[in-house]
Amino acid sequence: MDEILQQLEPLLIGSVPTMILFLILVLAYKYILHGPLLNVLAERRQRTQGAVEKANEAIAAADAKAQDYEARLRAARAEIYRARENRVKAWAAEREAALNAARQASRERVLAAKAALDTRAEVLKLEIERGSDDLAADILKAVLPPASSSGNTLLAEGSR
């Protein structure tokens, strides 16, 4: 074993400068590259997350605006439908009023025509009654021979 240790001794002594250089290299790497690299990565992560957060905030704001727009659009449509419905109701009321006026006017015309017809019928009935007496007398004169003037007078007076 002594022999192995004697062989390792010059190797160990020869490796000491290499170890010192390795330690200097590791420390230099840690302070020169690793620290700034971690700082750059942390800053990058913050910027990325900040950008993502800003994007999420912008998306949320856009969604809120879209919902507000949709709500206003629904309200405007509802208002248009209410106005349209009121206009249709007004037109229906106007049409109904016009129909009622036309019905009333036609009723009045029908009643006036009926009254005129009734009056005319009464006048014609009276004329027929007056004419029937004269017609009956004419028929009697035509059917009965003229025998005596007193008999015709009695019949004519009896039928009146």
N, C-alpha and C. Protein backbone atom coordinates (compact mmCIF):
# COMPACT_ATOMS: atom_id res chain seq x y z
N MET A 1 0.79 -1.16 0.00
CA MET A 1 0.00 0.00 0.00
C MET A 1 0.86 1.26 0.00
N ASP A 2 1.99 1.11 0.67
CA ASP A 2 2.89 2.25 0.65
C ASP A 2 3.29 2.58 -0.77
N GLU A 3 3.44 1.59 -1.47
CA GLU A 3 3.85 1.79 -2.85
C GLU A 3 2.76 2.57 -3.62
N ILE A 4 1.51 2.27 -3.38
CA ILE A 4 0.42 2.94 -4.07
C ILE A 4 0.38 4.41 -3.64
N LEU A 5 0.61 4.63 -2.33
CA LEU A 5 0.59 5.99 -1.85
C LEU A 5 1.77 6.78 -2.43
N GLN A 6 2.91 6.16 -2.56
CA GLN A 6 4.07 6.84 -3.14
C GLN A 6 3.80 7.17 -4.61
N GLN A 7 3.09 6.35 -5.27
CA GLN A 7 2.79 6.63 -6.67
C GLN A 7 1.73 7.72 -6.76
N LEU A 8 0.83 7.79 -5.81
CA LEU A 8 -0.25 8.80 -5.85
C LEU A 8 0.25 10.18 -5.41
N GLU A 9 1.28 10.22 -4.61
CA GLU A 9 1.76 11.48 -4.07
C GLU A 9 2.17 12.43 -5.18
N PRO A 10 2.97 12.06 -6.16
CA PRO A 10 3.31 13.03 -7.20
C PRO A 10 2.09 13.41 -8.02
N LEU A 11 1.14 12.48 -8.15
CA LEU A 11 -0.06 12.81 -8.90
C LEU A 11 -0.89 13.85 -8.14
N LEU A 12 -0.98 13.67 -6.85
CA LEU A 12 -1.76 14.62 -6.05
C LEU A 12 -1.07 15.98 -6.05
N ILE A 13 0.18 16.02 -5.91
CA ILE A 13 0.89 17.29 -5.91
C ILE A 13 0.76 17.94 -7.28
N GLY A 14 0.81 17.18 -8.29
CA GLY A 14 0.68 17.72 -9.64
C GLY A 14 -0.75 18.18 -9.92
N SER A 15 -1.73 17.63 -9.22
CA SER A 15 -3.13 17.99 -9.48
C SER A 15 -3.58 19.18 -8.66
N VAL A 16 -2.80 19.59 -7.67
CA VAL A 16 -3.18 20.72 -6.83
C VAL A 16 -3.33 21.98 -7.68
N PRO A 17 -2.40 22.32 -8.56
CA PRO A 17 -2.64 23.51 -9.35
C PRO A 17 -3.88 23.38 -10.23
N THR A 18 -4.15 22.19 -10.70
CA THR A 18 -5.35 21.98 -11.52
C THR A 18 -6.59 22.19 -10.66
N MET A 19 -6.56 21.72 -9.43
CA MET A 19 -7.71 21.89 -8.54
C MET A 19 -7.91 23.37 -8.21
N ILE A 20 -6.81 24.06 -7.98
CA ILE A 20 -6.91 25.48 -7.68
C ILE A 20 -7.48 26.22 -8.89
N LEU A 21 -6.99 25.90 -10.06
CA LEU A 21 -7.53 26.52 -11.27
C LEU A 21 -9.01 26.16 -11.46
N PHE A 22 -9.37 24.93 -11.14
CA PHE A 22 -10.78 24.50 -11.28
C PHE A 22 -11.66 25.30 -10.32
N LEU A 23 -11.19 25.47 -9.06
CA LEU A 23 -11.96 26.24 -8.09
C LEU A 23 -12.08 27.70 -8.53
N ILE A 24 -11.02 28.26 -9.04
CA ILE A 24 -11.06 29.64 -9.53
C ILE A 24 -12.04 29.73 -10.71
N LEU A 25 -11.99 28.75 -11.55
CA LEU A 25 -12.90 28.72 -12.71
C LEU A 25 -14.35 28.61 -12.25
N VAL A 26 -14.64 27.75 -11.26
CA VAL A 26 -16.01 27.59 -10.75
C VAL A 26 -16.48 28.88 -10.12
N LEU A 27 -15.63 29.51 -9.29
CA LEU A 27 -16.01 30.78 -8.65
C LEU A 27 -16.22 31.87 -9.70
N ALA A 28 -15.36 31.93 -10.67
CA ALA A 28 -15.52 32.92 -11.73
C ALA A 28 -16.81 32.68 -12.49
N TYR A 29 -17.08 31.43 -12.79
CA TYR A 29 -18.34 31.09 -13.48
C TYR A 29 -19.53 31.54 -12.65
N LYS A 30 -19.47 31.25 -11.31
CA LYS A 30 -20.59 31.58 -10.44
C LYS A 30 -20.82 33.08 -10.41
N TYR A 31 -19.77 33.87 -10.27
CA TYR A 31 -19.94 35.31 -10.14
C TYR A 31 -20.05 36.03 -11.48
N ILE A 32 -19.37 35.55 -12.47
CA ILE A 32 -19.36 36.25 -13.75
C ILE A 32 -20.54 35.84 -14.63
N LEU A 33 -20.83 34.54 -14.73
CA LEU A 33 -21.88 34.08 -15.65
C LEU A 33 -23.17 33.66 -14.96
N HIS A 34 -23.05 32.83 -13.93
CA HIS A 34 -24.25 32.22 -13.35
C HIS A 34 -25.17 33.27 -12.69
N GLY A 35 -24.62 34.17 -11.90
CA GLY A 35 -25.43 35.21 -11.22
C GLY A 35 -26.14 36.10 -12.22
N PRO A 36 -25.45 36.72 -13.16
CA PRO A 36 -26.13 37.55 -14.15
C PRO A 36 -27.11 36.76 -15.01
N LEU A 37 -26.76 35.50 -15.31
CA LEU A 37 -27.68 34.67 -16.10
C LEU A 37 -28.97 34.44 -15.34
N LEU A 38 -28.89 34.16 -14.04
CA LEU A 38 -30.10 33.98 -13.23
C LEU A 38 -30.90 35.29 -13.16
N ASN A 39 -30.19 36.41 -13.04
CA ASN A 39 -30.89 37.70 -13.01
C ASN A 39 -31.62 37.97 -14.32
N VAL A 40 -30.96 37.66 -15.44
CA VAL A 40 -31.59 37.86 -16.75
C VAL A 40 -32.81 36.95 -16.89
N LEU A 41 -32.68 35.70 -16.46
CA LEU A 41 -33.82 34.76 -16.54
C LEU A 41 -34.98 35.22 -15.65
N ALA A 42 -34.66 35.72 -14.45
CA ALA A 42 -35.72 36.20 -13.55
C ALA A 42 -36.42 37.41 -14.16
N GLU A 43 -35.63 38.32 -14.72
CA GLU A 43 -36.23 39.49 -15.37
C GLU A 43 -37.08 39.09 -16.56
N ARG A 44 -36.60 38.13 -17.29
CA ARG A 44 -37.36 37.63 -18.45
C ARG A 44 -38.67 37.01 -17.99
N ARG A 45 -38.61 36.23 -16.92
CA ARG A 45 -39.83 35.60 -16.39
C ARG A 45 -40.81 36.68 -15.93
N GLN A 46 -40.30 37.71 -15.24
CA GLN A 46 -41.17 38.79 -14.78
C GLN A 46 -41.81 39.52 -15.96
N ARG A 47 -41.00 39.80 -16.95
CA ARG A 47 -41.56 40.48 -18.12
C ARG A 47 -42.59 39.61 -18.82
N THR A 48 -42.29 38.35 -18.94
CA THR A 48 -43.23 37.44 -19.61
C THR A 48 -44.53 37.35 -18.81
N GLN A 49 -44.40 37.13 -17.51
CA GLN A 49 -45.60 37.05 -16.68
C GLN A 49 -46.32 38.39 -16.64
N GLY A 50 -45.58 39.47 -16.62
CA GLY A 50 -46.20 40.80 -16.66
C GLY A 50 -46.97 41.00 -17.96
N ALA A 51 -46.35 40.55 -19.05
CA ALA A 51 -47.04 40.66 -20.34
C ALA A 51 -48.27 39.78 -20.37
N VAL A 52 -48.16 38.57 -19.79
CA VAL A 52 -49.31 37.67 -19.74
C VAL A 52 -50.41 38.28 -18.87
N GLU A 53 -50.02 38.86 -17.74
CA GLU A 53 -51.00 39.50 -16.87
C GLU A 53 -51.66 40.69 -17.57
N LYS A 54 -50.84 41.47 -18.27
CA LYS A 54 -51.41 42.59 -19.02
C LYS A 54 -52.35 42.10 -20.11
N ALA A 55 -51.96 41.01 -20.76
CA ALA A 55 -52.82 40.44 -21.81
C ALA A 55 -54.12 39.94 -21.19
N ASN A 56 -54.02 39.28 -20.03
CA ASN A 56 -55.24 38.81 -19.36
C ASN A 56 -56.13 39.97 -18.95
N GLU A 57 -55.50 41.06 -18.45
CA GLU A 57 -56.28 42.25 -18.10
C GLU A 57 -56.94 42.85 -19.33
N ALA A 58 -56.21 42.88 -20.43
CA ALA A 58 -56.78 43.43 -21.68
C ALA A 58 -57.93 42.55 -22.16
N ILE A 59 -57.76 41.24 -22.04
CA ILE A 59 -58.84 40.32 -22.44
C ILE A 59 -60.05 40.53 -21.55
N ALA A 60 -59.82 40.68 -20.23
CA ALA A 60 -60.94 40.90 -19.31
C ALA A 60 -61.63 42.22 -19.62
N ALA A 61 -60.84 43.26 -19.93
CA ALA A 61 -61.44 44.55 -20.28
C ALA A 61 -62.24 44.44 -21.57
N ALA A 62 -61.70 43.70 -22.54
CA ALA A 62 -62.42 43.52 -23.81
C ALA A 62 -63.71 42.75 -23.59
N ASP A 63 -63.66 41.72 -22.74
CA ASP A 63 -64.88 40.96 -22.43
C ASP A 63 -65.92 41.85 -21.75
N ALA A 64 -65.45 42.69 -20.82
CA ALA A 64 -66.38 43.60 -20.15
C ALA A 64 -67.01 44.56 -21.15
N LYS A 65 -66.19 45.10 -22.06
CA LYS A 65 -66.73 46.01 -23.08
C LYS A 65 -67.71 45.28 -24.00
N ALA A 66 -67.37 44.04 -24.34
CA ALA A 66 -68.26 43.26 -25.21
C ALA A 66 -69.58 42.99 -24.51
N GLN A 67 -69.54 42.66 -23.23
CA GLN A 67 -70.77 42.43 -22.48
C GLN A 67 -71.58 43.71 -22.36
N ASP A 68 -70.89 44.83 -22.14
CA ASP A 68 -71.57 46.11 -22.07
C ASP A 68 -72.22 46.44 -23.41
N TYR A 69 -71.48 46.19 -24.49
CA TYR A 69 -72.02 46.43 -25.83
C TYR A 69 -73.24 45.55 -26.09
N GLU A 70 -73.15 44.27 -25.70
CA GLU A 70 -74.28 43.37 -25.91
C GLU A 70 -75.48 43.80 -25.08
N ALA A 71 -75.23 44.25 -23.85
CA ALA A 71 -76.33 44.72 -23.00
C ALA A 71 -77.00 45.95 -23.62
N ARG A 72 -76.17 46.89 -24.11
CA ARG A 72 -76.75 48.07 -24.76
C ARG A 72 -77.48 47.70 -26.03
N LEU A 73 -76.95 46.73 -26.77
CA LEU A 73 -77.60 46.28 -27.99
C LEU A 73 -78.95 45.64 -27.67
N ARG A 74 -78.98 44.80 -26.63
CA ARG A 74 -80.25 44.19 -26.23
C ARG A 74 -81.25 45.25 -25.80
N ALA A 75 -80.78 46.24 -25.04
CA ALA A 75 -81.67 47.32 -24.60
C ALA A 75 -82.20 48.11 -25.80
N ALA A 76 -81.33 48.39 -26.76
CA ALA A 76 -81.76 49.12 -27.96
C ALA A 76 -82.78 48.31 -28.75
N ARG A 77 -82.51 47.01 -28.89
CA ARG A 77 -83.48 46.16 -29.61
C ARG A 77 -84.81 46.11 -28.88
N ALA A 78 -84.75 46.00 -27.55
CA ALA A 78 -86.00 45.98 -26.78
C ALA A 78 -86.76 47.29 -26.96
N GLU A 79 -86.05 48.39 -26.98
CA GLU A 79 -86.69 49.70 -27.18
C GLU A 79 -87.32 49.77 -28.57
N ILE A 80 -86.60 49.27 -29.56
CA ILE A 80 -87.14 49.27 -30.93
C ILE A 80 -88.39 48.41 -31.00
N TYR A 81 -88.36 47.23 -30.35
CA TYR A 81 -89.53 46.36 -30.37
C TYR A 81 -90.71 47.02 -29.64
N ARG A 82 -90.41 47.71 -28.52
CA ARG A 82 -91.50 48.40 -27.80
C ARG A 82 -92.09 49.50 -28.66
N ALA A 83 -91.23 50.27 -29.32
CA ALA A 83 -91.72 51.35 -30.19
C ALA A 83 -92.54 50.78 -31.34
N ARG A 84 -92.04 49.69 -31.90
CA ARG A 84 -92.76 49.04 -33.01
C ARG A 84 -94.11 48.53 -32.53
N GLU A 85 -94.12 47.91 -31.36
CA GLU A 85 -95.37 47.38 -30.82
C GLU A 85 -96.36 48.51 -30.54
N ASN A 86 -95.86 49.63 -30.00
CA ASN A 86 -96.74 50.77 -29.75
C ASN A 86 -97.29 51.33 -31.06
N ARG A 87 -96.43 51.37 -32.09
CA ARG A 87 -96.88 51.86 -33.39
C ARG A 87 -97.95 50.93 -33.97
N VAL A 88 -97.73 49.63 -33.85
CA VAL A 88 -98.72 48.67 -34.36
C VAL A 88 -100.03 48.81 -33.60
N LYS A 89 -99.94 49.00 -32.27
CA LYS A 89 -101.15 49.18 -31.47
C LYS A 89 -101.88 50.46 -31.89
N ALA A 90 -101.12 51.52 -32.14
CA ALA A 90 -101.74 52.78 -32.57
C ALA A 90 -102.42 52.60 -33.92
N TRP A 91 -101.73 51.92 -34.83
CA TRP A 91 -102.34 51.67 -36.14
C TRP A 91 -103.60 50.82 -36.01
N ALA A 92 -103.55 49.82 -35.15
CA ALA A 92 -104.72 48.97 -34.94
C ALA A 92 -105.87 49.79 -34.35
N ALA A 93 -105.54 50.68 -33.41
CA ALA A 93 -106.58 51.52 -32.82
C ALA A 93 -107.17 52.46 -33.87
N GLU A 94 -106.31 53.04 -34.71
CA GLU A 94 -106.81 53.91 -35.77
C GLU A 94 -107.69 53.14 -36.74
N ARG A 95 -107.24 51.94 -37.10
CA ARG A 95 -108.02 51.11 -38.02
C ARG A 95 -109.36 50.74 -37.39
N GLU A 96 -109.33 50.39 -36.10
CA GLU A 96 -110.57 50.02 -35.42
C GLU A 96 -111.51 51.22 -35.34
N ALA A 97 -110.95 52.40 -35.07
CA ALA A 97 -111.79 53.61 -35.02
C ALA A 97 -112.40 53.89 -36.39
N ALA A 98 -111.59 53.73 -37.44
CA ALA A 98 -112.10 53.96 -38.79
C ALA A 98 -113.19 52.94 -39.12
N LEU A 99 -112.96 51.68 -38.74
CA LEU A 99 -113.98 50.65 -38.99
C LEU A 99 -115.26 50.95 -38.22
N ASN A 100 -115.11 51.36 -36.96
CA ASN A 100 -116.31 51.69 -36.17
C ASN A 100 -117.05 52.87 -36.79
N ALA A 101 -116.31 53.88 -37.26
CA ALA A 101 -116.95 55.02 -37.90
C ALA A 101 -117.67 54.58 -39.18
N ALA A 102 -117.02 53.72 -39.97
CA ALA A 102 -117.65 53.23 -41.20
C ALA A 102 -118.88 52.39 -40.87
N ARG A 103 -118.77 51.56 -39.82
CA ARG A 103 -119.94 50.75 -39.43
C ARG A 103 -121.09 51.64 -38.99
N GLN A 104 -120.77 52.65 -38.18
CA GLN A 104 -121.80 53.56 -37.71
C GLN A 104 -122.44 54.30 -38.88
N ALA A 105 -121.61 54.76 -39.81
CA ALA A 105 -122.14 55.48 -40.98
C ALA A 105 -123.02 54.55 -41.81
N SER A 106 -122.57 53.30 -41.98
CA SER A 106 -123.39 52.37 -42.78
C SER A 106 -124.68 52.04 -42.04
N ARG A 107 -124.62 51.91 -40.70
CA ARG A 107 -125.87 51.68 -39.94
C ARG A 107 -126.84 52.84 -40.13
N GLU A 108 -126.28 54.05 -40.04
CA GLU A 108 -127.14 55.22 -40.22
C GLU A 108 -127.75 55.26 -41.61
N ARG A 109 -126.92 54.91 -42.62
CA ARG A 109 -127.45 54.89 -43.99
C ARG A 109 -128.52 53.80 -44.15
N VAL A 110 -128.26 52.64 -43.54
CA VAL A 110 -129.24 51.54 -43.62
C VAL A 110 -130.54 51.95 -42.94
N LEU A 111 -130.40 52.56 -41.74
CA LEU A 111 -131.61 52.99 -41.02
C LEU A 111 -132.35 54.08 -41.80
N ALA A 112 -131.60 55.00 -42.40
CA ALA A 112 -132.24 56.06 -43.20
C ALA A 112 -132.94 55.45 -44.41
N ALA A 113 -132.24 54.49 -45.07
CA ALA A 113 -132.85 53.84 -46.23
C ALA A 113 -134.08 53.04 -45.82
N LYS A 114 -133.98 52.37 -44.66
CA LYS A 114 -135.13 51.58 -44.19
C LYS A 114 -136.31 52.50 -43.86
N ALA A 115 -136.01 53.64 -43.22
CA ALA A 115 -137.08 54.59 -42.90
C ALA A 115 -137.69 55.13 -44.19
N ALA A 116 -136.82 55.42 -45.18
CA ALA A 116 -137.34 55.92 -46.46
C ALA A 116 -138.19 54.85 -47.13
N LEU A 117 -137.72 53.58 -47.07
CA LEU A 117 -138.51 52.49 -47.67
C LEU A 117 -139.83 52.31 -46.94
N ASP A 118 -139.80 52.40 -45.60
CA ASP A 118 -141.04 52.26 -44.84
C ASP A 118 -142.01 53.39 -45.18
N THR A 119 -141.47 54.60 -45.29
CA THR A 119 -142.32 55.74 -45.65
C THR A 119 -142.88 55.55 -47.05
N ARG A 120 -142.00 55.14 -47.95
CA ARG A 120 -142.44 54.92 -49.33
C ARG A 120 -143.47 53.80 -49.39
N ALA A 121 -143.26 52.74 -48.58
CA ALA A 121 -144.22 51.63 -48.56
C ALA A 121 -145.57 52.10 -48.05
N GLU A 122 -145.55 52.95 -47.01
CA GLU A 122 -146.81 53.47 -46.47
C GLU A 122 -147.53 54.32 -47.52
N VAL A 123 -146.76 55.17 -48.21
CA VAL A 123 -147.35 56.02 -49.25
C VAL A 123 -147.94 55.16 -50.35
N LEU A 124 -147.15 54.14 -50.78
CA LEU A 124 -147.66 53.27 -51.84
C LEU A 124 -148.85 52.45 -51.37
N LYS A 125 -148.84 52.05 -50.12
CA LYS A 125 -149.98 51.29 -49.58
C LYS A 125 -151.26 52.15 -49.62
N LEU A 126 -151.10 53.42 -49.22
CA LEU A 126 -152.25 54.33 -49.27
C LEU A 126 -152.71 54.54 -50.71
N GLU A 127 -151.74 54.68 -51.63
CA GLU A 127 -152.12 54.86 -53.03
C GLU A 127 -152.82 53.62 -53.56
N ILE A 128 -152.32 52.45 -53.15
CA ILE A 128 -152.96 51.20 -53.61
C ILE A 128 -154.36 51.10 -53.05
N GLU A 129 -154.51 51.48 -51.78
CA GLU A 129 -155.86 51.42 -51.19
C GLU A 129 -156.81 52.39 -51.91
N ARG A 130 -156.31 53.58 -52.21
CA ARG A 130 -157.14 54.53 -52.94
C ARG A 130 -157.41 54.03 -54.35
N GLY A 131 -156.41 53.49 -54.97
CA GLY A 131 -156.56 53.00 -56.32
C GLY A 131 -157.43 51.75 -56.37
N SER A 132 -157.42 50.95 -55.28
CA SER A 132 -158.22 49.73 -55.28
C SER A 132 -159.71 50.04 -55.31
N ASP A 133 -160.11 51.13 -54.67
CA ASP A 133 -161.52 51.51 -54.69
C ASP A 133 -161.93 51.89 -56.12
N ASP A 134 -161.09 52.68 -56.76
CA ASP A 134 -161.38 53.08 -58.13
C ASP A 134 -161.35 51.86 -59.05
N LEU A 135 -160.39 50.96 -58.85
CA LEU A 135 -160.27 49.77 -59.67
C LEU A 135 -161.48 48.85 -59.47
N ALA A 136 -161.92 48.74 -58.21
CA ALA A 136 -163.10 47.91 -57.93
C ALA A 136 -164.32 48.49 -58.63
N ALA A 137 -164.42 49.80 -58.64
CA ALA A 137 -165.57 50.43 -59.31
C ALA A 137 -165.48 50.20 -60.80
N ASP A 138 -164.29 50.31 -61.37
CA ASP A 138 -164.12 50.08 -62.79
C ASP A 138 -164.42 48.63 -63.15
N ILE A 139 -164.00 47.70 -62.28
CA ILE A 139 -164.27 46.28 -62.53
C ILE A 139 -165.78 46.02 -62.49
N LEU A 140 -166.44 46.62 -61.52
CA LEU A 140 -167.88 46.45 -61.42
C LEU A 140 -168.59 47.02 -62.64
N LYS A 141 -168.12 48.14 -63.11
CA LYS A 141 -168.73 48.73 -64.30
C LYS A 141 -168.51 47.82 -65.50
N ALA A 142 -167.35 47.21 -65.57
CA ALA A 142 -167.05 46.37 -66.71
C ALA A 142 -167.78 45.04 -66.61
N VAL A 143 -167.92 44.51 -65.45
CA VAL A 143 -168.53 43.19 -65.28
C VAL A 143 -170.07 43.31 -65.27
N LEU A 144 -170.56 44.22 -64.57
CA LEU A 144 -172.03 44.35 -64.45
C LEU A 144 -172.56 45.24 -65.59
N PRO A 145 -173.69 44.79 -66.12
CA PRO A 145 -174.25 45.65 -67.16
C PRO A 145 -174.87 46.91 -66.55
N PRO A 146 -174.89 47.93 -67.27
CA PRO A 146 -175.46 49.18 -66.73
C PRO A 146 -176.98 49.08 -66.74
N ALA A 147 -177.54 48.64 -65.67
CA ALA A 147 -178.99 48.48 -65.59
C ALA A 147 -179.66 49.73 -65.04
N SER A 148 -179.30 50.07 -63.95
CA SER A 148 -179.92 51.28 -63.44
C SER A 148 -178.84 52.14 -62.81
N SER A 149 -179.05 53.34 -62.88
CA SER A 149 -178.04 54.26 -62.37
C SER A 149 -178.06 54.30 -60.86
N SER A 150 -179.21 53.96 -60.22
CA SER A 150 -179.27 54.01 -58.77
C SER A 150 -178.54 52.82 -58.16
N GLY A 151 -178.57 51.68 -58.83
CA GLY A 151 -177.87 50.49 -58.32
C GLY A 151 -176.37 50.66 -58.37
N ASN A 152 -175.91 51.26 -59.44
CA ASN A 152 -174.46 51.48 -59.57
C ASN A 152 -173.98 52.48 -58.51
N THR A 153 -174.80 53.39 -58.24
CA THR A 153 -174.42 54.41 -57.27
C THR A 153 -174.33 53.77 -55.92
N LEU A 154 -175.27 52.88 -55.59
CA LEU A 154 -175.26 52.22 -54.28
C LEU A 154 -174.03 51.32 -54.16
N LEU A 155 -173.74 50.62 -55.21
CA LEU A 155 -172.57 49.72 -55.15
C LEU A 155 -171.29 50.52 -55.06
N ALA A 156 -171.24 51.61 -55.80
CA ALA A 156 -170.04 52.43 -55.77
C ALA A 156 -169.88 53.07 -54.41
N GLU A 157 -170.97 53.49 -53.80
CA GLU A 157 -170.88 54.11 -52.48
C GLU A 157 -170.59 53.07 -51.43
N GLY A 158 -171.07 51.86 -51.58
CA GLY A 158 -170.83 50.78 -50.60
C GLY A 158 -169.39 50.31 -50.59
N SER A 159 -168.75 50.34 -51.73
CA SER A 159 -167.38 49.87 -51.79
C SER A 159 -166.39 50.90 -51.27
N ARG A 160 -166.88 52.15 -51.18
CA ARG A 160 -165.96 53.20 -50.71
C ARG A 160 -165.90 53.17 -49.27
